[in-house]
Amino acid sequence: MSGTNTKASREARIVLVITVIASALLVIDVTIVSVALPEIQSDLGGSLSALQWVIIGYTVTFGAFQQTAGSLSDRLGRKSMFMSGITLFTLASLACGIAPDALFLDAARCVQGVGAAFVLANAMPLIAQVFDGQSRNMAIAVWGTTLGACGAVAPVIGGLLVDLTEWRYLFLINVPIGVAALVLCRNRLPADARNGSAARIDWTGAGLLVVTLGLINFALTRGEDQGWSSPITVVQLVLSAFLLLGFVLLERRTATPTLDLTLFKVPTFVAATLISFFSRFATVGGSVYYILYFQSSRGLSPLQTGLFMMAIFGPQLGMGLVAGKLQAKYSPSHIIAVGFGVLAIGGLAMSWAFNRDNSIWLALPGLLLWGVGGGLAGSPSMSLAVNVVPKERAGMASGAINSLFMFGAGIGAAVFGLLFRTRVSDRARSEPRLDYGDHEPVVSAAAQGDITRALEHVPGEATAQVRRTLESAIAAGAASVMLWAALICVGTAAIALALVRRKDLLNGAPEKDRSEDTPEAEPA
């Protein structure tokens, strides 16, 4: 018996390694390309707006297909859907690497995003399929913290590849890795046990949801450039709302829905969705602005900024694994609440430290606390959704959570962007050397962190003083963002304490409480 258990444990670890490698590849691709846009434009030509679709196209399709990909895996099998995603991602990477022009590259990136969605939406369900109890919590902790690290180092990897080779290898390097992953998947992933036939799939709902999520993601991604109050953005958001309402009405009448709305009757599942949304709102939405503080207000290079960011990512990785272990003894509600509490303290510390006249090292304690809190809250938050549903519905739950990750990040960036721009504008308006007619282009450039471009609209004799004003304005804007991020973290901690219930957990409950909660978890 022990030999059988050892073999099963070894096979489960192999599944974890495969999902980590495949997921890390696509997470890196979210940001790795950004550093190469000038080289791509120089090689392929095309306008800057066309080349922005290299990033936008991937982000929009990646977010749009998450829920559908997860729900399909519940019906058609994790292994087949996961391998289909890797295949599509690898072929699209090859197409990106040999792209003859910008339009071809943009189209290939959109396809690559679809493949990435099928990979990521099936990663957690695969882990949930082969791990149980506390082992599942630890496996998800390893998976989540590794992805966080990969996202952090992606720009560095991209910069090295561009410096040492050329931009095409950013995509071509995915091909051999993808082929190797496919071989491992074919030989090592557990065989599919289908939970239904293709005839029972909610194809109408799946298609409607893809269009809805795609439009929402597009509106959030393009809102800053289009203008949040512009007619085109308003139309996109209103149409998205109507499509979402139509999807909800359709799912209520469908026997086999793409998203079972009855899951939202479970308080812990509701908590998982809200925590997913607000965590990315605060952490991803806020990250842009503390980077702007270091680079644009304090003049650090990208490398120096990256070294400062290690104060976040180092503790985040370590505490993510600690949080996985803590779930064996403590309620996830308490771990998540403590994590967001520490995040809030870190945000407040950064808000106080972000001042052009302060020593730059005063930001370090806030960064460290931000990393500790993010690590503590992250892995138990990701585990919640798949731990409140049976294994055969883990894809649906994972898709919902991953979709809300994308929405939270997009809406957080949009809301914080408006807050940041308003604060920068107010500070710039107080500068007497800045003519009001030049105010808008100066603020627009400064709000993007480009002080050099902002100063092009300033008379030469006023350049030094206006530069200092803009640097102080960016610091004040970043401080405001981190203050509001801290408040959102406090609210998220309250959600965890109010809605997360041990008796809702079908898997991964604290060992000392599992026996006492089992009778309550059974339906009356």
Protein backbone atom coordinates (compact mmCIF):
# COMPACT_ATOMS: atom_id res chain seq x y z
CA MET A 1 0.00 0.00 0.00
CA SER A 2 2.81 2.42 0.88
CA GLY A 3 4.42 1.71 -2.50
CA THR A 4 1.17 2.62 -4.25
CA ASN A 5 0.88 5.83 -2.23
CA THR A 6 4.48 6.74 -3.02
CA LYS A 7 3.86 6.24 -6.74
CA ALA A 8 0.68 8.31 -6.63
CA SER A 9 2.50 11.06 -4.75
CA ARG A 10 5.33 11.06 -7.30
CA GLU A 11 2.86 11.27 -10.20
CA ALA A 12 1.03 14.13 -8.48
CA ARG A 13 4.30 16.05 -8.11
CA ILE A 14 5.01 15.54 -11.81
CA VAL A 15 1.60 17.01 -12.64
CA LEU A 16 2.46 20.02 -10.45
CA VAL A 17 5.78 20.52 -12.25
CA ILE A 18 4.05 20.37 -15.65
CA THR A 19 1.36 22.86 -14.69
CA VAL A 20 3.94 25.23 -13.16
CA ILE A 21 6.15 25.18 -16.27
CA ALA A 22 3.28 25.63 -18.71
CA SER A 23 1.60 28.35 -16.64
CA ALA A 24 4.87 30.21 -16.05
CA LEU A 25 5.49 30.32 -19.81
CA LEU A 26 2.25 32.13 -20.55
CA VAL A 27 2.45 34.46 -17.53
CA ILE A 28 5.90 35.58 -18.67
CA ASP A 29 4.45 36.28 -22.12
CA VAL A 30 2.01 38.80 -20.67
CA THR A 31 4.75 41.36 -20.06
CA ILE A 32 7.95 40.06 -21.65
CA VAL A 33 7.11 41.63 -25.02
CA SER A 34 6.67 45.17 -23.71
CA VAL A 35 10.43 45.80 -23.58
CA ALA A 36 10.80 44.86 -27.26
CA LEU A 37 8.16 47.12 -28.84
CA PRO A 38 10.69 49.66 -30.20
CA GLU A 39 12.70 46.87 -31.86
CA ILE A 40 9.55 45.30 -33.30
CA GLN A 41 8.43 48.64 -34.74
CA SER A 42 11.86 49.23 -36.24
CA ASP A 43 11.84 45.80 -37.90
CA LEU A 44 8.21 45.43 -39.02
CA GLY A 45 7.17 49.04 -39.34
CA GLY A 46 3.59 50.03 -38.61
CA SER A 47 2.15 52.64 -36.30
CA LEU A 48 2.54 52.61 -32.52
CA SER A 49 -1.23 52.04 -32.14
CA ALA A 50 -0.99 48.94 -34.36
CA LEU A 51 1.94 47.59 -32.37
CA GLN A 52 0.10 48.13 -29.09
CA TRP A 53 -2.10 45.23 -30.16
CA VAL A 54 0.89 42.97 -29.61
CA ILE A 55 0.07 43.44 -25.92
CA ILE A 56 -3.64 44.34 -26.08
CA GLY A 57 -4.61 41.42 -28.34
CA TYR A 58 -2.99 38.89 -26.02
CA THR A 59 -4.53 40.46 -22.89
CA VAL A 60 -8.05 40.71 -24.33
CA THR A 61 -8.30 37.12 -25.59
CA PHE A 62 -6.50 35.78 -22.53
CA GLY A 63 -9.18 37.31 -20.30
CA ALA A 64 -12.12 36.57 -22.61
CA PHE A 65 -11.66 32.80 -22.79
CA GLN A 66 -10.85 32.01 -19.14
CA GLN A 67 -14.36 31.05 -17.98
CA THR A 68 -15.26 29.16 -21.14
CA ALA A 69 -11.98 27.24 -21.10
CA GLY A 70 -12.48 26.21 -17.49
CA SER A 71 -16.08 25.12 -18.00
CA LEU A 72 -15.24 23.14 -21.14
CA SER A 73 -12.58 21.22 -19.25
CA ASP A 74 -15.24 19.99 -16.80
CA ARG A 75 -17.07 18.42 -19.76
CA LEU A 76 -14.33 17.43 -22.19
CA GLY A 77 -11.47 16.63 -19.81
CA ARG A 78 -8.58 18.50 -18.20
CA LYS A 79 -5.80 16.75 -20.09
CA SER A 80 -7.25 17.29 -23.55
CA MET A 81 -8.09 20.95 -22.92
CA PHE A 82 -4.72 21.64 -21.27
CA MET A 83 -2.84 20.05 -24.15
CA SER A 84 -5.01 21.87 -26.68
CA GLY A 85 -4.06 25.13 -25.01
CA ILE A 86 -0.34 24.32 -25.07
CA THR A 87 -0.57 23.28 -28.73
CA LEU A 88 -2.36 26.48 -29.72
CA PHE A 89 0.02 28.61 -27.66
CA THR A 90 3.10 26.93 -29.19
CA LEU A 91 1.87 27.22 -32.79
CA ALA A 92 0.90 30.85 -32.23
CA SER A 93 4.35 31.52 -30.72
CA LEU A 94 5.94 30.11 -33.88
CA ALA A 95 3.69 32.34 -35.99
CA CYS A 96 4.70 35.38 -33.90
CA GLY A 97 8.37 34.52 -34.33
CA ILE A 98 8.16 34.41 -38.13
CA ALA A 99 5.65 37.27 -38.51
CA PRO A 100 6.30 39.21 -41.75
CA ASP A 101 4.41 42.33 -40.66
CA ALA A 102 2.68 43.97 -37.69
CA LEU A 103 -0.84 42.84 -38.66
CA PHE A 104 0.21 39.17 -38.82
CA LEU A 105 1.96 39.51 -35.46
CA ASP A 106 -1.11 41.10 -33.86
CA ALA A 107 -3.37 38.29 -35.13
CA ALA A 108 -0.96 35.62 -33.90
CA ARG A 109 -0.82 37.25 -30.47
CA CYS A 110 -4.62 37.12 -30.23
CA VAL A 111 -4.52 33.38 -30.96
CA GLN A 112 -1.69 32.98 -28.46
CA GLY A 113 -3.92 34.57 -25.81
CA VAL A 114 -6.65 32.00 -26.47
CA GLY A 115 -4.16 29.17 -26.01
CA ALA A 116 -2.87 30.77 -22.80
CA ALA A 117 -6.42 30.97 -21.43
CA PHE A 118 -6.96 27.23 -21.94
CA VAL A 119 -3.67 26.48 -20.19
CA LEU A 120 -4.21 28.69 -17.16
CA ALA A 121 -7.90 27.82 -16.72
CA ASN A 122 -6.99 24.13 -16.51
CA ALA A 123 -3.91 24.42 -14.29
CA MET A 124 -5.66 24.66 -10.93
CA PRO A 125 -8.28 22.00 -11.84
CA LEU A 126 -5.45 19.61 -12.76
CA ILE A 127 -3.80 20.28 -9.41
CA ALA A 128 -7.14 19.81 -7.65
CA GLN A 129 -7.63 16.52 -9.48
CA VAL A 130 -4.44 14.88 -8.18
CA PHE A 131 -4.04 16.52 -4.76
CA ASP A 132 -6.35 16.43 -1.75
CA GLY A 133 -6.58 18.16 1.60
CA GLN A 134 -3.55 20.07 2.83
CA SER A 135 -1.43 18.66 -0.01
CA ARG A 136 -3.70 20.53 -2.42
CA ASN A 137 -3.27 23.78 -0.51
CA MET A 138 0.52 23.43 -0.61
CA ALA A 139 0.51 22.53 -4.32
CA ILE A 140 -1.56 25.60 -5.18
CA ALA A 141 0.76 27.71 -2.99
CA VAL A 142 3.80 26.46 -4.94
CA TRP A 143 2.03 27.07 -8.25
CA GLY A 144 0.82 30.56 -7.32
CA THR A 145 4.06 31.83 -5.81
CA THR A 146 6.06 30.56 -8.78
CA LEU A 147 3.79 32.42 -11.19
CA GLY A 148 4.21 35.58 -9.13
CA ALA A 149 7.98 35.27 -9.39
CA CYS A 150 7.82 34.67 -13.14
CA GLY A 151 5.66 37.73 -13.68
CA ALA A 152 8.18 39.79 -11.72
CA VAL A 153 11.24 38.69 -13.70
CA ALA A 154 9.56 38.69 -17.12
CA PRO A 155 10.73 42.19 -18.13
CA VAL A 156 14.30 41.31 -17.10
CA ILE A 157 14.20 38.13 -19.20
CA GLY A 158 12.78 40.08 -22.12
CA GLY A 159 15.49 42.72 -21.87
CA LEU A 160 18.26 40.10 -21.81
CA LEU A 161 16.87 38.23 -24.82
CA VAL A 162 16.50 41.43 -26.83
CA ASP A 163 20.02 42.55 -25.90
CA LEU A 164 21.63 39.18 -26.67
CA THR A 165 19.56 38.10 -29.69
CA GLU A 166 16.58 39.79 -31.36
CA TRP A 167 12.90 40.26 -30.57
CA ARG A 168 11.72 37.18 -32.52
CA TYR A 169 13.36 34.89 -29.98
CA LEU A 170 10.96 36.20 -27.34
CA PHE A 171 8.39 34.03 -29.13
CA LEU A 172 10.52 31.32 -30.72
CA ILE A 173 11.92 30.27 -27.34
CA ASN A 174 8.39 29.13 -26.45
CA VAL A 175 8.37 26.53 -29.24
CA PRO A 176 10.84 23.94 -27.87
CA ILE A 177 9.50 24.46 -24.34
CA GLY A 178 5.96 23.96 -25.61
CA VAL A 179 6.90 20.77 -27.49
CA ALA A 180 8.64 19.37 -24.41
CA ALA A 181 5.59 20.24 -22.28
CA LEU A 182 3.31 18.42 -24.73
CA VAL A 183 5.44 15.28 -24.53
CA LEU A 184 5.33 15.40 -20.73
CA CYS A 185 1.57 16.01 -20.75
CA ARG A 186 0.91 13.09 -23.06
CA ASN A 187 2.89 10.67 -20.93
CA ARG A 188 2.37 11.99 -17.42
CA LEU A 189 -0.99 13.72 -17.03
CA PRO A 190 -3.86 11.55 -15.70
CA ALA A 191 -6.32 10.31 -18.31
CA ASP A 192 -9.53 12.28 -18.74
CA ALA A 193 -12.72 11.11 -17.10
CA ARG A 194 -15.33 13.02 -19.04
CA ASN A 195 -18.30 14.42 -17.18
CA GLY A 196 -20.56 14.76 -20.17
CA SER A 197 -20.74 14.89 -23.94
CA ALA A 198 -20.15 17.77 -26.31
CA ALA A 199 -23.87 17.76 -27.10
CA ARG A 200 -24.61 18.88 -23.52
CA ILE A 201 -22.25 21.84 -23.59
CA ASP A 202 -23.77 25.29 -23.34
CA TRP A 203 -22.26 26.52 -26.59
CA THR A 204 -24.53 29.59 -26.81
CA GLY A 205 -23.64 30.69 -23.28
CA ALA A 206 -19.95 29.98 -23.85
CA GLY A 207 -19.89 32.06 -27.03
CA LEU A 208 -21.87 34.90 -25.47
CA LEU A 209 -19.54 34.98 -22.47
CA VAL A 210 -16.43 35.12 -24.68
CA VAL A 211 -17.84 38.13 -26.53
CA THR A 212 -18.91 39.79 -23.27
CA LEU A 213 -15.60 39.31 -21.48
CA GLY A 214 -13.66 40.24 -24.59
CA LEU A 215 -15.55 43.52 -24.93
CA ILE A 216 -15.15 44.36 -21.24
CA ASN A 217 -11.42 43.60 -21.35
CA PHE A 218 -11.05 45.69 -24.50
CA ALA A 219 -12.87 48.65 -22.95
CA LEU A 220 -10.73 48.47 -19.80
CA THR A 221 -7.52 48.12 -21.78
CA ARG A 222 -8.26 50.95 -24.21
CA GLY A 223 -10.18 53.25 -21.87
CA GLU A 224 -7.22 55.46 -21.00
CA ASP A 225 -6.34 56.10 -24.67
CA GLN A 226 -9.95 56.41 -25.86
CA GLY A 227 -10.95 58.55 -22.88
CA TRP A 228 -13.11 57.10 -20.10
CA SER A 229 -15.94 59.51 -20.80
CA SER A 230 -15.68 59.32 -24.60
CA PRO A 231 -18.75 58.02 -26.49
CA ILE A 232 -16.92 54.94 -27.79
CA THR A 233 -15.83 53.84 -24.30
CA VAL A 234 -19.29 54.48 -22.84
CA VAL A 235 -20.91 52.46 -25.66
CA GLN A 236 -18.47 49.57 -25.10
CA LEU A 237 -19.16 49.46 -21.36
CA VAL A 238 -22.96 49.81 -21.71
CA LEU A 239 -23.05 47.10 -24.38
CA SER A 240 -20.91 44.88 -22.14
CA ALA A 241 -23.42 45.35 -19.31
CA PHE A 242 -26.35 44.35 -21.56
CA LEU A 243 -24.47 41.31 -22.86
CA LEU A 244 -23.62 40.28 -19.30
CA LEU A 245 -27.27 40.60 -18.28
CA GLY A 246 -28.25 38.47 -21.29
CA PHE A 247 -25.70 35.85 -20.26
CA VAL A 248 -27.06 35.72 -16.70
CA LEU A 249 -30.64 35.29 -17.95
CA LEU A 250 -29.54 32.56 -20.34
CA GLU A 251 -27.60 30.65 -17.68
CA ARG A 252 -30.61 30.63 -15.36
CA ARG A 253 -32.58 28.69 -17.99
CA THR A 254 -29.84 26.30 -19.15
CA ALA A 255 -29.60 22.75 -17.78
CA THR A 256 -25.81 22.59 -18.22
CA PRO A 257 -24.61 26.19 -17.79
CA THR A 258 -21.17 27.53 -18.59
CA LEU A 259 -21.27 29.20 -15.17
CA ASP A 260 -23.61 27.70 -12.59
CA LEU A 261 -25.11 30.73 -10.86
CA THR A 262 -26.15 28.63 -7.84
CA LEU A 263 -22.49 28.66 -6.81
CA PHE A 264 -23.08 32.23 -5.72
CA LYS A 265 -25.42 30.95 -3.03
CA VAL A 266 -22.34 29.59 -1.24
CA PRO A 267 -20.89 32.43 0.89
CA THR A 268 -17.32 31.14 0.62
CA PHE A 269 -17.49 31.02 -3.18
CA VAL A 270 -18.80 34.60 -3.20
CA ALA A 271 -15.92 35.53 -0.91
CA ALA A 272 -13.45 33.83 -3.28
CA THR A 273 -14.72 35.88 -6.23
CA LEU A 274 -14.72 39.18 -4.33
CA ILE A 275 -11.28 38.56 -2.84
CA SER A 276 -9.92 37.68 -6.29
CA PHE A 277 -11.29 40.88 -7.76
CA PHE A 278 -10.22 43.27 -5.01
CA SER A 279 -6.82 41.67 -4.47
CA ARG A 280 -5.85 42.32 -8.08
CA PHE A 281 -7.54 45.72 -7.96
CA ALA A 282 -5.24 46.79 -5.12
CA THR A 283 -2.01 44.94 -5.89
CA VAL A 284 -1.79 44.91 -9.70
CA GLY A 285 -3.61 48.22 -10.08
CA GLY A 286 -1.30 49.87 -7.56
CA SER A 287 1.95 48.35 -8.81
CA VAL A 288 2.16 50.67 -11.82
CA TYR A 289 2.31 53.70 -9.59
CA TYR A 290 4.97 52.70 -7.11
CA ILE A 291 7.13 51.83 -10.12
CA LEU A 292 6.38 55.31 -11.54
CA TYR A 293 7.43 56.80 -8.20
CA PHE A 294 10.84 55.12 -8.30
CA GLN A 295 11.57 55.73 -11.97
CA SER A 296 9.90 59.06 -12.77
CA SER A 297 9.88 60.85 -9.42
CA ARG A 298 13.19 59.54 -8.02
CA GLY A 299 15.02 58.92 -11.30
CA LEU A 300 15.99 55.28 -10.77
CA SER A 301 16.91 53.12 -13.75
CA PRO A 302 14.78 50.04 -14.61
CA LEU A 303 17.52 47.84 -13.10
CA GLN A 304 17.62 49.85 -9.87
CA THR A 305 13.82 49.77 -9.69
CA GLY A 306 13.90 46.02 -10.22
CA LEU A 307 16.28 45.63 -7.31
CA PHE A 308 13.94 47.65 -5.11
CA MET A 309 11.06 45.39 -6.22
CA MET A 310 12.94 42.41 -4.80
CA ALA A 311 11.87 43.78 -1.41
CA ILE A 312 8.33 42.80 -2.46
CA PHE A 313 8.89 39.63 -4.43
CA GLY A 314 11.35 37.94 -2.08
CA PRO A 315 9.04 38.01 0.98
CA GLN A 316 6.03 37.29 -1.23
CA LEU A 317 7.52 34.02 -2.46
CA GLY A 318 8.55 32.90 0.99
CA MET A 319 5.31 33.86 2.72
CA GLY A 320 3.26 32.22 -0.02
CA LEU A 321 4.72 28.86 0.97
CA VAL A 322 4.29 29.70 4.67
CA ALA A 323 0.62 30.47 4.02
CA GLY A 324 0.23 27.09 2.36
CA LYS A 325 1.54 25.38 5.50
CA LEU A 326 -0.60 27.52 7.82
CA GLN A 327 -3.76 26.27 6.13
CA ALA A 328 -3.20 22.90 7.84
CA LYS A 329 -4.02 24.45 11.22
CA TYR A 330 -5.81 27.76 10.72
CA SER A 331 -8.95 28.88 8.97
CA PRO A 332 -8.28 30.41 5.54
CA SER A 333 -10.44 33.37 6.54
CA HIS A 334 -7.96 34.30 9.29
CA ILE A 335 -4.87 33.80 7.11
CA ILE A 336 -6.36 35.86 4.27
CA ALA A 337 -7.51 38.60 6.65
CA VAL A 338 -4.08 38.84 8.29
CA GLY A 339 -2.46 38.95 4.85
CA PHE A 340 -4.63 41.82 3.68
CA GLY A 341 -4.14 43.55 7.02
CA VAL A 342 -0.37 43.46 6.49
CA LEU A 343 -0.89 44.64 2.90
CA ALA A 344 -2.88 47.59 4.23
CA ILE A 345 -0.10 48.54 6.67
CA GLY A 346 2.43 48.27 3.83
CA GLY A 347 0.28 50.48 1.61
CA LEU A 348 -0.03 53.09 4.35
CA ALA A 349 3.73 52.99 4.92
CA MET A 350 4.41 53.56 1.22
CA SER A 351 1.82 56.34 1.08
CA TRP A 352 3.70 58.12 3.87
CA ALA A 353 7.15 57.44 2.39
CA PHE A 354 6.35 58.50 -1.20
CA ASN A 355 7.55 62.08 -1.01
CA ARG A 356 10.15 63.73 -3.23
CA ASP A 357 11.83 65.21 -0.16
CA ASN A 358 12.10 61.92 1.78
CA SER A 359 15.01 59.52 1.60
CA ILE A 360 14.22 56.87 -0.98
CA TRP A 361 15.10 54.17 1.56
CA LEU A 362 12.06 55.10 3.66
CA ALA A 363 9.96 53.20 1.11
CA LEU A 364 11.70 49.92 1.95
CA PRO A 365 9.62 48.93 5.03
CA GLY A 366 6.39 49.45 3.09
CA LEU A 367 7.66 47.34 0.19
CA LEU A 368 8.65 44.52 2.55
CA LEU A 369 5.25 44.56 4.27
CA TRP A 370 3.51 44.64 0.88
CA GLY A 371 5.40 41.48 -0.08
CA VAL A 372 4.71 39.71 3.22
CA GLY A 373 1.00 40.52 3.07
CA GLY A 374 0.69 39.54 -0.59
CA GLY A 375 2.33 36.20 0.08
CA LEU A 376 0.11 35.43 3.09
CA ALA A 377 -3.13 36.36 1.34
CA GLY A 378 -2.33 34.99 -2.12
CA SER A 379 -2.22 31.20 -1.97
CA PRO A 380 -5.21 30.62 0.39
CA SER A 381 -7.25 33.05 -1.73
CA MET A 382 -6.54 31.01 -4.86
CA SER A 383 -7.36 27.74 -3.09
CA LEU A 384 -10.80 28.87 -1.91
CA ALA A 385 -12.74 28.57 -5.16
CA VAL A 386 -11.64 25.02 -6.04
CA ASN A 387 -12.01 23.89 -2.42
CA VAL A 388 -15.74 24.70 -2.25
CA VAL A 389 -16.74 22.71 -5.35
CA PRO A 390 -16.44 19.00 -6.24
CA LYS A 391 -13.41 18.06 -8.37
CA GLU A 392 -15.56 17.67 -11.48
CA ARG A 393 -16.53 21.37 -11.29
CA ALA A 394 -13.09 22.78 -10.50
CA GLY A 395 -12.69 24.09 -14.06
CA MET A 396 -15.79 26.24 -13.80
CA ALA A 397 -14.65 27.63 -10.44
CA SER A 398 -11.10 28.26 -11.66
CA GLY A 399 -12.39 30.04 -14.77
CA ALA A 400 -14.50 32.38 -12.68
CA ILE A 401 -11.58 33.26 -10.42
CA ASN A 402 -9.13 33.79 -13.27
CA SER A 403 -11.63 36.02 -15.09
CA LEU A 404 -12.04 38.16 -12.00
CA PHE A 405 -8.26 38.39 -11.63
CA MET A 406 -8.18 40.04 -15.05
CA PHE A 407 -11.11 42.34 -14.31
CA GLY A 408 -9.71 43.40 -10.97
CA ALA A 409 -6.36 44.30 -12.50
CA GLY A 410 -7.99 46.21 -15.37
CA ILE A 411 -10.50 48.13 -13.29
CA GLY A 412 -7.89 48.84 -10.60
CA ALA A 413 -5.51 50.28 -13.18
CA ALA A 414 -8.35 52.41 -14.61
CA VAL A 415 -9.60 53.78 -11.27
CA PHE A 416 -6.14 54.38 -9.87
CA GLY A 417 -5.14 55.95 -13.18
CA LEU A 418 -7.90 58.55 -12.85
CA LEU A 419 -6.92 59.20 -9.22
CA PHE A 420 -3.25 59.53 -10.13
CA ARG A 421 -3.90 61.83 -13.07
CA THR A 422 -6.16 64.09 -10.97
CA ARG A 423 -3.51 64.46 -8.28
CA VAL A 424 -0.76 65.15 -10.84
CA SER A 425 -3.00 67.69 -12.58
CA ASP A 426 -3.76 69.53 -9.34
CA ARG A 427 -0.08 69.78 -8.46
CA ALA A 428 0.90 70.89 -11.97
CA ARG A 429 -1.82 73.55 -12.03
CA SER A 430 -0.27 75.14 -8.93
CA GLU A 431 3.02 75.74 -10.76
CA PRO A 432 3.12 79.44 -11.77
CA ARG A 433 5.77 78.85 -14.44
CA LEU A 434 3.46 76.50 -16.32
CA ASP A 435 1.18 78.25 -18.79
CA TYR A 436 -2.40 76.97 -18.59
CA GLY A 437 -2.46 76.32 -22.32
CA ASP A 438 0.38 73.83 -21.89
CA HIS A 439 -1.18 72.22 -18.84
CA GLU A 440 -2.96 69.33 -20.60
CA PRO A 441 -0.02 67.98 -22.67
CA VAL A 442 2.29 68.35 -19.68
CA VAL A 443 -0.09 66.47 -17.37
CA SER A 444 -0.73 63.75 -19.97
CA ALA A 445 2.96 63.08 -20.37
CA ALA A 446 3.69 63.27 -16.63
CA ALA A 447 0.79 60.91 -15.83
CA GLN A 448 2.50 58.33 -18.04
CA GLY A 449 5.79 58.90 -16.22
CA ASP A 450 7.41 60.64 -19.21
CA ILE A 451 8.78 63.84 -17.68
CA THR A 452 11.15 64.39 -20.62
CA ARG A 453 8.20 64.63 -23.02
CA ALA A 454 6.30 66.79 -20.54
CA LEU A 455 9.15 69.32 -20.42
CA GLU A 456 9.01 69.76 -24.21
CA HIS A 457 6.02 72.04 -23.58
CA VAL A 458 7.82 74.13 -20.97
CA PRO A 459 9.94 77.27 -21.60
CA GLY A 460 13.65 76.57 -21.22
CA GLU A 461 14.23 78.87 -18.28
CA ALA A 462 11.46 77.16 -16.28
CA THR A 463 12.53 73.58 -17.02
CA ALA A 464 14.36 72.86 -13.76
CA GLN A 465 11.60 74.16 -11.49
CA VAL A 466 8.80 72.48 -13.48
CA ARG A 467 10.72 69.21 -13.46
CA ARG A 468 10.87 69.29 -9.66
CA THR A 469 7.16 70.17 -9.50
CA LEU A 470 6.26 67.25 -11.75
CA GLU A 471 8.47 64.86 -9.78
CA SER A 472 6.71 65.96 -6.59
CA ALA A 473 3.33 65.62 -8.33
CA ILE A 474 4.08 62.04 -9.39
CA ALA A 475 5.17 61.21 -5.83
CA ALA A 476 1.94 62.71 -4.46
CA GLY A 477 -0.11 60.79 -7.01
CA ALA A 478 1.60 57.52 -6.12
CA ALA A 479 1.05 58.23 -2.41
CA SER A 480 -2.68 58.76 -3.00
CA VAL A 481 -2.94 55.52 -4.96
CA MET A 482 -1.25 53.52 -2.21
CA LEU A 483 -3.49 55.08 0.44
CA TRP A 484 -6.60 53.96 -1.43
CA ALA A 485 -5.04 50.56 -2.13
CA ALA A 486 -4.55 50.18 1.64
CA LEU A 487 -8.21 50.99 2.27
CA ILE A 488 -9.28 48.42 -0.33
CA CYS A 489 -7.11 45.83 1.42
CA VAL A 490 -8.87 46.57 4.73
CA GLY A 491 -12.23 46.02 3.03
CA THR A 492 -11.02 42.77 1.49
CA ALA A 493 -9.89 41.51 4.91
CA ALA A 494 -13.39 42.25 6.21
CA ILE A 495 -14.91 40.24 3.33
CA ALA A 496 -12.74 37.24 4.24
CA LEU A 497 -13.75 37.37 7.89
CA ALA A 498 -17.45 37.85 7.11
CA LEU A 499 -18.01 35.35 4.29
CA VAL A 500 -15.38 32.58 4.37
CA ARG A 501 -16.81 29.59 6.29
CA ARG A 502 -14.98 26.37 7.12
CA LYS A 503 -18.15 24.31 6.66
CA ASP A 504 -18.30 25.33 2.97
CA LEU A 505 -14.91 23.75 2.29
CA LEU A 506 -15.20 20.34 0.64
CA ASN A 507 -11.43 20.09 0.53
CA GLY A 508 -8.46 21.74 2.21
CA ALA A 509 -10.15 22.55 5.53
CA PRO A 510 -7.89 22.85 8.59
CA GLU A 511 -7.14 19.35 9.86
CA LYS A 512 -8.16 19.98 13.45
CA ASP A 513 -11.57 21.33 12.38
CA ARG A 514 -12.43 19.00 9.50
CA SER A 515 -14.15 16.35 11.60
CA GLU A 516 -16.28 18.81 13.51
CA ASP A 517 -17.37 20.62 10.35
CA THR A 518 -18.21 17.54 8.29
CA PRO A 519 -21.80 17.11 9.55
CA GLU A 520 -22.55 20.78 8.89
CA ALA A 521 -21.17 20.54 5.35
CA GLU A 522 -23.66 17.82 4.42
CA PRO A 523 -26.93 19.00 2.85
CA ALA A 524 -29.90 19.02 5.18
